[in-house]
Every structure is written in structure tokens, then in C-alpha cells.
């Protein structure tokens, strides 16, 4: 029956999901669709590892990779915000 299927809630076309199995439960998480390709995933794991994130380079998606990816996104957003702030500051200084 449809009620018995274990699927992600409200998936949209083009979204990719992965089911993580923890010790207590299992749940679906939305992921970057590039993570479905093992070579792209391994390349990205190497990049995260070189940037100092705690990741095992295995070519397989795991909780540590997803946590590191999410932290990378947060850090990248902060870096871009700081860069925009610096650019505005320099622009104002050059006008004077």
C-alpha cells in the first residue's frame, strides 16, 4: 500500500535524496545531485579534506560528508558576504 512506502516527504522533480541510517532511526535528507556520481563525490571529498573539513575520502556518501558539505556552504556564504563588504568599503574609499 502507498502508506507503507518509505519515501521522502514532498519530493519535487529534480531534487535528490539519500536515506541515512543512524543507530536509532533512518531518515531521508535532500542532497546535491552531483553526489550521486561517485567520481564527483570523491573529488568533492578531496576538496573538503584539503580545506580542513573532517571528511573521509571514500567516494561514498556518509553523514560526515554531508555535515562537512553543509558547513562548507555556511562558510562560503560568510566568505562571500565579507568579500562584498570589503568591495563596498574599498569603493567608498576610492570615491573620496
N, C-alpha and C. Protein backbone atom coordinates (compact mmCIF):
# COMPACT_ATOMS: atom_id res chain seq x y z
N UNK A 1 0.82 -1.18 0.00
CA UNK A 1 0.00 0.00 0.00
C UNK A 1 0.87 1.24 0.00
N UNK A 2 0.31 2.34 -0.44
CA UNK A 2 1.05 3.60 -0.53
C UNK A 2 1.48 4.11 0.84
N UNK A 3 0.72 3.81 1.87
CA UNK A 3 1.06 4.28 3.20
C UNK A 3 2.32 3.59 3.74
N UNK A 4 2.62 2.40 3.23
CA UNK A 4 3.75 1.63 3.73
C UNK A 4 5.07 1.99 3.06
N UNK A 5 5.03 2.77 1.98
CA UNK A 5 6.25 3.12 1.28
C UNK A 5 7.06 4.12 2.10
N UNK A 6 8.35 3.88 2.15
CA UNK A 6 9.25 4.78 2.88
C UNK A 6 9.90 5.70 1.86
N UNK A 7 9.28 6.85 1.62
CA UNK A 7 9.77 7.81 0.65
C UNK A 7 9.94 9.17 1.31
N UNK A 8 10.76 10.04 0.72
CA UNK A 8 10.88 11.39 1.29
C UNK A 8 9.57 12.15 1.18
N UNK A 9 9.36 13.07 2.12
CA UNK A 9 8.13 13.86 2.11
C UNK A 9 8.24 14.97 1.07
N UNK A 10 7.20 15.12 0.30
CA UNK A 10 7.06 16.19 -0.70
C UNK A 10 8.26 16.35 -1.63
N UNK A 11 8.71 15.30 -2.28
CA UNK A 11 9.82 15.48 -3.23
C UNK A 11 9.36 16.23 -4.47
N UNK A 12 10.23 17.06 -4.99
CA UNK A 12 9.94 17.81 -6.22
C UNK A 12 10.80 17.25 -7.33
N UNK A 13 10.35 17.37 -8.57
CA UNK A 13 11.18 16.91 -9.68
C UNK A 13 12.52 17.64 -9.69
N UNK A 14 13.59 16.89 -9.83
CA UNK A 14 14.93 17.47 -9.86
C UNK A 14 15.63 17.44 -8.51
N UNK A 15 14.89 17.17 -7.42
CA UNK A 15 15.51 17.06 -6.10
C UNK A 15 16.09 15.66 -5.93
N UNK A 16 17.20 15.58 -5.22
CA UNK A 16 17.84 14.29 -4.95
C UNK A 16 17.84 14.05 -3.45
N UNK A 17 17.58 12.83 -3.06
CA UNK A 17 17.53 12.47 -1.64
C UNK A 17 18.40 11.25 -1.39
N UNK A 18 18.85 11.12 -0.14
CA UNK A 18 19.64 9.97 0.28
C UNK A 18 19.12 9.55 1.64
N UNK A 19 19.00 8.26 1.87
CA UNK A 19 18.49 7.77 3.14
C UNK A 19 19.67 7.41 4.04
N UNK A 20 19.76 8.10 5.17
CA UNK A 20 20.81 7.84 6.15
C UNK A 20 20.26 6.94 7.24
N UNK A 21 21.04 5.94 7.61
CA UNK A 21 20.66 5.03 8.68
C UNK A 21 21.53 5.32 9.89
N UNK A 22 20.93 5.90 10.93
CA UNK A 22 21.63 6.14 12.18
C UNK A 22 21.39 4.94 13.10
N UNK A 23 22.00 4.98 14.28
CA UNK A 23 21.81 3.89 15.24
C UNK A 23 20.36 3.79 15.70
N UNK A 24 19.71 4.93 15.82
CA UNK A 24 18.35 4.95 16.36
C UNK A 24 17.29 4.88 15.27
N UNK A 25 17.48 5.64 14.21
CA UNK A 25 16.45 5.72 13.18
C UNK A 25 17.08 5.89 11.80
N UNK A 26 16.23 5.99 10.82
CA UNK A 26 16.70 6.30 9.47
C UNK A 26 15.83 7.42 8.92
N UNK A 27 16.46 8.32 8.18
CA UNK A 27 15.69 9.44 7.63
C UNK A 27 16.25 9.85 6.28
N UNK A 28 15.40 10.50 5.50
CA UNK A 28 15.76 10.99 4.18
C UNK A 28 16.30 12.40 4.30
N UNK A 29 17.36 12.70 3.56
CA UNK A 29 17.93 14.05 3.53
C UNK A 29 18.09 14.47 2.08
N UNK A 30 17.79 15.74 1.82
CA UNK A 30 17.98 16.30 0.49
C UNK A 30 19.48 16.53 0.29
N UNK A 31 19.99 16.13 -0.86
CA UNK A 31 21.42 16.26 -1.13
C UNK A 31 21.65 16.94 -2.48
N UNK A 32 22.87 17.32 -2.72
CA UNK A 32 23.29 17.85 -4.01
C UNK A 32 23.27 16.69 -5.00
N UNK A 33 22.65 16.87 -6.14
CA UNK A 33 22.52 15.79 -7.12
C UNK A 33 23.87 15.32 -7.66
N UNK A 34 24.91 16.16 -7.58
CA UNK A 34 26.24 15.74 -8.02
C UNK A 34 26.79 14.60 -7.15
N UNK A 35 26.25 14.44 -5.93
CA UNK A 35 26.74 13.41 -5.03
C UNK A 35 26.34 12.00 -5.47
N UNK A 36 25.47 11.91 -6.47
CA UNK A 36 25.09 10.58 -6.97
C UNK A 36 26.18 9.97 -7.84
N UNK A 37 27.06 10.81 -8.38
CA UNK A 37 28.18 10.34 -9.20
C UNK A 37 29.39 10.14 -8.28
N UNK A 38 29.86 8.88 -8.12
CA UNK A 38 30.96 8.61 -7.19
C UNK A 38 32.25 9.37 -7.50
N UNK A 39 32.56 9.61 -8.78
CA UNK A 39 33.80 10.33 -9.09
C UNK A 39 33.70 11.79 -8.68
N UNK A 40 32.55 12.42 -8.92
CA UNK A 40 32.35 13.80 -8.50
C UNK A 40 32.35 13.90 -6.98
N UNK A 41 31.74 12.92 -6.33
CA UNK A 41 31.70 12.92 -4.87
C UNK A 41 33.10 12.79 -4.28
N UNK A 42 33.89 11.89 -4.84
CA UNK A 42 35.25 11.70 -4.33
C UNK A 42 36.09 12.96 -4.54
N UNK A 43 35.94 13.60 -5.69
CA UNK A 43 36.65 14.85 -5.96
C UNK A 43 36.24 15.92 -4.95
N UNK A 44 34.96 16.01 -4.65
CA UNK A 44 34.48 16.99 -3.70
C UNK A 44 34.96 16.66 -2.29
N UNK A 45 35.01 15.37 -1.93
CA UNK A 45 35.52 14.97 -0.62
C UNK A 45 36.99 15.37 -0.47
N UNK A 46 37.76 15.22 -1.54
CA UNK A 46 39.17 15.63 -1.51
C UNK A 46 39.26 17.13 -1.29
N UNK A 47 38.41 17.89 -1.99
CA UNK A 47 38.40 19.35 -1.83
C UNK A 47 38.07 19.73 -0.39
N UNK A 48 37.04 19.11 0.18
CA UNK A 48 36.67 19.39 1.56
C UNK A 48 37.79 19.03 2.52
N UNK A 49 38.42 17.89 2.29
CA UNK A 49 39.52 17.44 3.14
C UNK A 49 40.69 18.43 3.08
N UNK A 50 41.02 18.91 1.88
CA UNK A 50 42.11 19.88 1.71
C UNK A 50 41.78 21.22 2.35
N UNK A 51 40.49 21.56 2.45
CA UNK A 51 40.09 22.80 3.10
C UNK A 51 40.03 22.67 4.62
N UNK A 52 40.29 21.47 5.13
CA UNK A 52 40.36 21.28 6.57
C UNK A 52 39.11 20.71 7.22
N UNK A 53 38.15 20.27 6.43
CA UNK A 53 36.93 19.68 7.00
C UNK A 53 37.20 18.21 7.33
N UNK A 54 36.49 17.71 8.34
CA UNK A 54 36.68 16.34 8.81
C UNK A 54 35.88 15.38 7.93
N UNK A 55 36.54 14.88 6.87
CA UNK A 55 35.88 14.02 5.88
C UNK A 55 36.80 12.86 5.54
N UNK A 56 36.21 11.68 5.41
CA UNK A 56 36.94 10.52 4.90
C UNK A 56 36.73 10.47 3.39
N UNK A 57 37.81 10.38 2.64
CA UNK A 57 37.71 10.33 1.17
C UNK A 57 37.48 8.88 0.77
N UNK A 58 36.21 8.54 0.56
CA UNK A 58 35.84 7.17 0.23
C UNK A 58 35.11 7.07 -1.11
N UNK A 59 34.54 8.17 -1.57
CA UNK A 59 33.74 8.12 -2.78
C UNK A 59 32.32 7.66 -2.49
N UNK A 60 32.00 7.50 -1.21
CA UNK A 60 30.64 7.11 -0.80
C UNK A 60 30.09 8.19 0.10
N UNK A 61 28.81 8.46 -0.04
CA UNK A 61 28.16 9.49 0.76
C UNK A 61 27.90 8.96 2.16
N UNK A 62 28.30 9.73 3.15
CA UNK A 62 28.03 9.38 4.53
C UNK A 62 27.67 10.64 5.31
N UNK A 63 27.34 10.47 6.56
CA UNK A 63 26.89 11.60 7.39
C UNK A 63 27.99 12.66 7.53
N UNK A 64 29.24 12.25 7.69
CA UNK A 64 30.34 13.20 7.86
C UNK A 64 30.51 14.07 6.62
N UNK A 65 30.37 13.47 5.45
CA UNK A 65 30.48 14.24 4.20
C UNK A 65 29.36 15.25 4.09
N UNK A 66 28.13 14.84 4.41
CA UNK A 66 27.00 15.75 4.32
C UNK A 66 27.13 16.89 5.34
N UNK A 67 27.57 16.57 6.57
CA UNK A 67 27.76 17.62 7.58
C UNK A 67 28.85 18.59 7.15
N UNK A 68 29.95 18.07 6.60
CA UNK A 68 31.03 18.93 6.13
C UNK A 68 30.57 19.80 4.96
N UNK A 69 29.77 19.24 4.07
CA UNK A 69 29.24 19.99 2.93
C UNK A 69 28.35 21.14 3.41
N UNK A 70 27.48 20.85 4.37
CA UNK A 70 26.60 21.89 4.90
C UNK A 70 27.41 22.99 5.59
N UNK A 71 28.45 22.62 6.33
CA UNK A 71 29.31 23.61 6.97
C UNK A 71 30.07 24.42 5.92
N UNK A 72 30.50 23.77 4.85
CA UNK A 72 31.17 24.45 3.74
C UNK A 72 30.26 25.51 3.13
N UNK A 73 28.98 25.17 2.93
CA UNK A 73 28.03 26.14 2.38
C UNK A 73 27.88 27.36 3.29
N UNK A 74 27.80 27.11 4.60
CA UNK A 74 27.69 28.21 5.56
C UNK A 74 28.94 29.08 5.51
N UNK A 75 30.11 28.44 5.52
CA UNK A 75 31.37 29.18 5.48
C UNK A 75 31.53 29.96 4.18
N UNK A 76 31.12 29.36 3.08
CA UNK A 76 31.23 30.02 1.77
C UNK A 76 30.33 31.26 1.72
N UNK A 77 29.15 31.15 2.29
CA UNK A 77 28.23 32.28 2.34
C UNK A 77 28.84 33.42 3.15
N UNK A 78 29.48 33.08 4.28
CA UNK A 78 30.13 34.11 5.10
C UNK A 78 31.29 34.76 4.36
N UNK A 79 32.08 33.95 3.64
CA UNK A 79 33.22 34.49 2.89
C UNK A 79 32.74 35.46 1.80
N UNK A 80 31.68 35.09 1.11
CA UNK A 80 31.15 35.96 0.05
C UNK A 80 30.61 37.26 0.63
N UNK A 81 29.95 37.17 1.77
CA UNK A 81 29.41 38.36 2.42
C UNK A 81 30.54 39.29 2.84
N UNK A 82 31.60 38.74 3.41
CA UNK A 82 32.75 39.55 3.81
C UNK A 82 33.42 40.19 2.60
N UNK A 83 33.50 39.45 1.50
CA UNK A 83 34.11 39.99 0.28
C UNK A 83 33.30 41.14 -0.28
N UNK A 84 31.98 41.01 -0.30
CA UNK A 84 31.12 42.10 -0.76
C UNK A 84 31.28 43.33 0.12
N UNK A 85 31.36 43.10 1.42
CA UNK A 85 31.54 44.19 2.38
C UNK A 85 32.86 44.91 2.12
N UNK A 86 33.92 44.15 1.89
CA UNK A 86 35.23 44.73 1.60
C UNK A 86 35.20 45.52 0.30
N UNK A 87 34.56 44.97 -0.72
CA UNK A 87 34.46 45.66 -2.01
C UNK A 87 33.72 47.00 -1.88
N UNK A 88 32.63 47.01 -1.11
CA UNK A 88 31.89 48.26 -0.90
C UNK A 88 32.75 49.27 -0.15
N UNK A 89 33.48 48.80 0.83
CA UNK A 89 34.35 49.68 1.62
C UNK A 89 35.43 50.29 0.74
N UNK A 90 36.03 49.48 -0.09
CA UNK A 90 37.09 49.96 -1.00
C UNK A 90 36.52 50.93 -2.03
N UNK A 91 35.34 50.66 -2.50
CA UNK A 91 34.69 51.53 -3.48
C UNK A 91 34.43 52.92 -2.89
N UNK A 92 33.95 52.92 -1.65
CA UNK A 92 33.70 54.21 -0.98
C UNK A 92 35.00 54.96 -0.72
N UNK A 93 36.06 54.24 -0.38
CA UNK A 93 37.35 54.87 -0.10
C UNK A 93 37.94 55.45 -1.38
N UNK A 94 37.72 54.83 -2.52
CA UNK A 94 38.25 55.31 -3.79
C UNK A 94 37.49 56.54 -4.28
N UNK A 95 36.24 56.69 -3.88
CA UNK A 95 35.46 57.86 -4.31
C UNK A 95 35.99 59.15 -3.66
N UNK A 96 36.49 59.02 -2.46
CA UNK A 96 36.95 60.21 -1.72
C UNK A 96 38.24 60.78 -2.23
